[in-house]
Protein backbone atom coordinates (compact mmCIF):
# COMPACT_ATOMS: atom_id res chain seq x y z
CA UNK A 1 98.31 -33.36 -8.38
CA UNK A 2 99.82 -30.64 -10.51
CA UNK A 3 98.18 -27.50 -9.19
CA UNK A 4 99.66 -25.33 -11.93
CA UNK A 5 97.85 -27.29 -14.65
CA UNK A 6 94.32 -26.36 -13.53
CA UNK A 7 92.43 -23.59 -15.34
CA UNK A 8 89.75 -23.29 -12.65
CA UNK A 9 89.42 -24.00 -8.97
CA UNK A 10 86.32 -26.07 -9.79
CA UNK A 11 88.28 -28.62 -11.84
CA UNK A 12 90.94 -28.81 -9.13
CA UNK A 13 88.33 -29.42 -6.42
CA UNK A 14 86.45 -31.95 -8.57
CA UNK A 15 89.60 -33.95 -9.30
CA UNK A 16 90.72 -33.82 -5.68
CA UNK A 17 87.31 -34.94 -4.50
CA UNK A 18 86.87 -37.76 -7.02
CA UNK A 19 90.41 -39.10 -6.61
CA UNK A 20 90.89 -38.84 -2.85
CA UNK A 21 87.84 -37.64 -0.89
CA UNK A 22 84.64 -39.18 -2.28
CA UNK A 23 84.68 -41.99 0.30
CA UNK A 24 85.00 -39.55 3.19
CA UNK A 25 82.69 -36.62 2.28
CA UNK A 26 79.32 -36.30 0.59
CA UNK A 27 79.23 -34.51 -2.80
CA UNK A 28 78.79 -30.72 -2.87
CA UNK A 29 79.89 -30.21 0.73
CA UNK A 30 82.93 -27.99 0.16
CA UNK A 31 82.80 -25.21 2.75
CA UNK A 32 80.38 -27.15 4.94
CA UNK A 33 82.16 -30.43 5.72
CA UNK A 34 85.62 -29.75 4.34
CA UNK A 35 87.72 -27.08 2.68
CA UNK A 36 91.29 -26.42 1.62
CA UNK A 37 93.88 -24.27 3.23
CA UNK A 38 97.41 -23.36 2.29
CA UNK A 39 100.32 -22.10 4.33
CA UNK A 40 104.03 -21.43 4.12
CA UNK A 41 106.96 -22.71 6.16
CA UNK A 42 107.84 -19.12 7.16
CA UNK A 43 104.63 -18.70 9.17
CA UNK A 44 102.66 -21.94 9.46
CA UNK A 45 100.23 -20.43 12.00
CA UNK A 46 98.56 -18.33 9.27
CA UNK A 47 96.52 -20.78 7.24
CA UNK A 48 94.85 -19.23 4.20
CA UNK A 49 91.40 -20.71 3.61
CA UNK A 50 90.45 -21.27 -0.03
CA UNK A 51 86.97 -19.76 0.23
CA UNK A 52 85.16 -16.64 -0.93
CA UNK A 53 84.49 -13.57 1.21
CA UNK A 54 80.77 -14.39 1.12
CA UNK A 55 81.47 -17.77 2.79
CA UNK A 56 83.38 -15.88 5.46
CA UNK A 57 80.35 -13.63 6.12
CA UNK A 58 77.82 -16.44 6.50
CA UNK A 59 76.61 -16.82 10.09
CA UNK A 60 76.22 -20.57 9.67
CA UNK A 61 78.31 -23.13 7.87
CA UNK A 62 77.01 -23.89 4.39
CA UNK A 63 78.35 -25.49 1.28
CA UNK A 64 79.71 -22.83 -1.08
CA UNK A 65 77.83 -24.36 -4.00
CA UNK A 66 74.52 -23.89 -2.15
CA UNK A 67 74.69 -20.07 -2.10
CA UNK A 68 77.47 -19.10 -4.52
CA UNK A 69 77.58 -21.74 -7.28
CA UNK A 70 80.04 -19.86 -9.51
CA UNK A 71 82.63 -19.06 -6.86
CA UNK A 72 85.01 -21.81 -8.06
CA UNK A 73 85.01 -20.74 -11.73
CA UNK A 74 88.01 -18.52 -10.98
CA UNK A 75 91.52 -19.72 -11.61
CA UNK A 76 93.43 -21.15 -8.64
CA UNK A 77 95.78 -18.15 -8.88
CA UNK A 78 92.97 -15.84 -7.72
CA UNK A 79 93.23 -17.63 -4.38
CA UNK A 80 97.01 -17.57 -4.43
CA UNK A 81 97.48 -21.21 -5.41
CA UNK A 82 100.43 -22.18 -7.57
CA UNK A 83 102.28 -25.36 -8.44
CA UNK A 84 104.30 -24.82 -5.23
CA UNK A 85 101.32 -24.52 -2.89
CA UNK A 86 101.06 -26.95 -0.01
CA UNK A 87 97.40 -27.85 0.48
CA UNK A 88 95.78 -28.99 3.67
CA UNK A 89 92.27 -30.39 4.12
CA UNK A 90 90.36 -28.80 6.98
CA UNK A 91 87.31 -30.57 8.32
CA UNK A 92 87.07 -29.39 11.93
CA UNK A 93 84.25 -26.86 12.17
CA UNK A 94 83.51 -24.17 13.23
CA UNK A 95 86.62 -22.36 12.06
CA UNK A 96 87.58 -19.06 13.64
CA UNK A 97 88.64 -16.89 10.77
CA UNK A 98 89.58 -13.36 9.81
CA UNK A 99 89.62 -11.53 6.51
CA UNK A 100 92.31 -9.35 5.03
CA UNK A 101 91.53 -6.84 2.29
CA UNK A 102 93.90 -4.54 0.45
CA UNK A 103 94.59 -2.84 -2.86
CA UNK A 104 98.37 -3.02 -2.50
CA UNK A 105 100.11 -5.69 -4.65
CA UNK A 106 103.13 -5.74 -2.32
CA UNK A 107 100.92 -6.69 0.61
CA UNK A 108 99.36 -9.41 -1.56
CA UNK A 109 102.83 -10.86 -2.24
CA UNK A 110 103.28 -11.18 1.53
CA UNK A 111 99.78 -12.55 2.13
CA UNK A 112 100.27 -15.21 -0.53
CA UNK A 113 103.74 -16.10 0.72
CA UNK A 114 105.33 -14.98 -2.55
CA UNK A 115 107.94 -12.65 -1.15
CA UNK A 116 111.47 -13.95 -1.57
CA UNK A 117 112.38 -12.53 1.81
CA UNK A 118 111.27 -15.03 4.46
CA UNK A 119 112.28 -12.65 7.26
CA UNK A 120 109.95 -9.92 5.97
CA UNK A 121 107.08 -12.41 5.59
CA UNK A 122 107.65 -13.69 9.12
CA UNK A 123 107.69 -10.14 10.52
CA UNK A 124 104.52 -9.26 8.58
CA UNK A 125 102.51 -12.28 9.75
CA UNK A 126 103.80 -11.88 13.30
CA UNK A 127 102.36 -8.37 13.28
CA UNK A 128 99.05 -9.52 11.83
CA UNK A 129 98.72 -12.12 14.56
CA UNK A 130 99.14 -9.37 17.17
CA UNK A 131 96.95 -6.81 15.41
CA UNK A 132 94.01 -9.15 14.83
CA UNK A 133 93.47 -9.27 18.61
CA UNK A 134 94.14 -5.59 19.35
CA UNK A 135 91.40 -3.57 21.02
CA UNK A 136 91.95 -0.54 18.81
CA UNK A 137 90.03 -0.24 15.56
CA UNK A 138 93.00 1.19 13.67
CA UNK A 139 96.72 1.46 13.94
CA UNK A 140 99.19 3.56 12.00
CA UNK A 141 102.79 3.69 12.99
CA UNK A 142 106.00 1.87 13.60
CA UNK A 143 105.91 -1.68 14.79
CA UNK A 144 108.49 -3.55 16.82
CA UNK A 145 111.22 -3.98 14.19
CA UNK A 146 111.23 -0.54 12.63
CA UNK A 147 108.68 -1.22 9.93
CA UNK A 148 105.56 0.84 9.33
CA UNK A 149 101.96 -0.31 8.92
CA UNK A 150 98.62 1.42 8.33
CA UNK A 151 95.78 -0.94 9.19
CA UNK A 152 92.11 -0.80 10.18
CA UNK A 153 90.08 -3.46 11.95
CA UNK A 154 86.35 -3.85 11.40
CA UNK A 155 83.58 -6.36 11.83
CA UNK A 156 83.72 -8.22 8.53
CA UNK A 157 80.08 -7.56 7.64
CA UNK A 158 80.73 -3.78 7.71
CA UNK A 159 83.50 -3.84 5.10
CA UNK A 160 82.68 -2.65 1.59
CA UNK A 161 84.57 -5.46 -0.14
CA UNK A 162 83.89 -3.99 -3.58
CA UNK A 163 86.40 -1.27 -2.67
CA UNK A 164 89.24 -3.79 -2.43
CA UNK A 165 90.81 -5.70 -5.27
CA UNK A 166 92.39 -8.39 -3.08
CA UNK A 167 90.52 -10.28 -0.36
CA UNK A 168 91.71 -13.34 1.56
CA UNK A 169 90.47 -15.39 4.51
CA UNK A 170 92.81 -16.83 7.17
CA UNK A 171 92.64 -18.86 10.32
CA UNK A 172 95.19 -19.50 13.03
CA UNK A 173 95.48 -20.69 16.59
CA UNK A 174 96.08 -17.12 17.80
CA UNK A 175 92.61 -15.76 16.88
CA UNK A 176 90.55 -14.67 19.87
CA UNK A 177 87.56 -13.25 17.98
CA UNK A 178 85.81 -14.39 14.83
CA UNK A 179 84.65 -12.61 11.66
CA UNK A 180 87.05 -9.68 11.92
CA UNK A 181 88.45 -7.94 8.84
CA UNK A 182 91.80 -6.23 8.62
CA UNK A 183 92.05 -3.52 5.97
CA UNK A 184 95.73 -3.01 5.21
CA UNK A 185 96.33 0.35 3.61
CA UNK A 186 100.12 0.16 3.56
CA UNK A 187 103.07 -1.77 4.92
CA UNK A 188 106.72 -0.75 4.67
CA UNK A 189 109.21 -3.27 6.02
CA UNK A 190 112.39 -2.25 7.71
CA UNK A 191 115.48 -2.60 5.56
CA UNK A 192 117.54 -5.43 6.94
């Protein structure tokens, strides 16, 4: 499949379903029985889920089309997908997940694995994996390698998502609690 040729996530999901998945999953079950994730070689433990923030907030697992029928009208780029994305089908539920919201385009380049500096991306995701399980509700300061981060942690349902331009959902084997949101105000990597 040529991911870069799709104008909407809906057409991508429809083609993927009809070509490869129709014998395994019932129709209109994306988000309930299966969903897509994408990751990078630099930090494979941070799997970005291709779902909306509203799916993330649901207390029970439902098909996205059942409560948000227009969610997939967006282009795949809104979810960080490009012709270089490596997709993975996830069908083991429930999924422990966390949200990340920000207004900073640099942070988005790291979240979507678009930074050209693999070392910076690795350092960034290593910090997120530690911060997601921290007991504190906020942290501002220097991290282990001389970089600086300003981050807040909230229960996801308490976040005013309209205040943030960029919102992504992740999962990983390091998550100890579910439905947590990290609000990243700023991140300044150390100069290597």
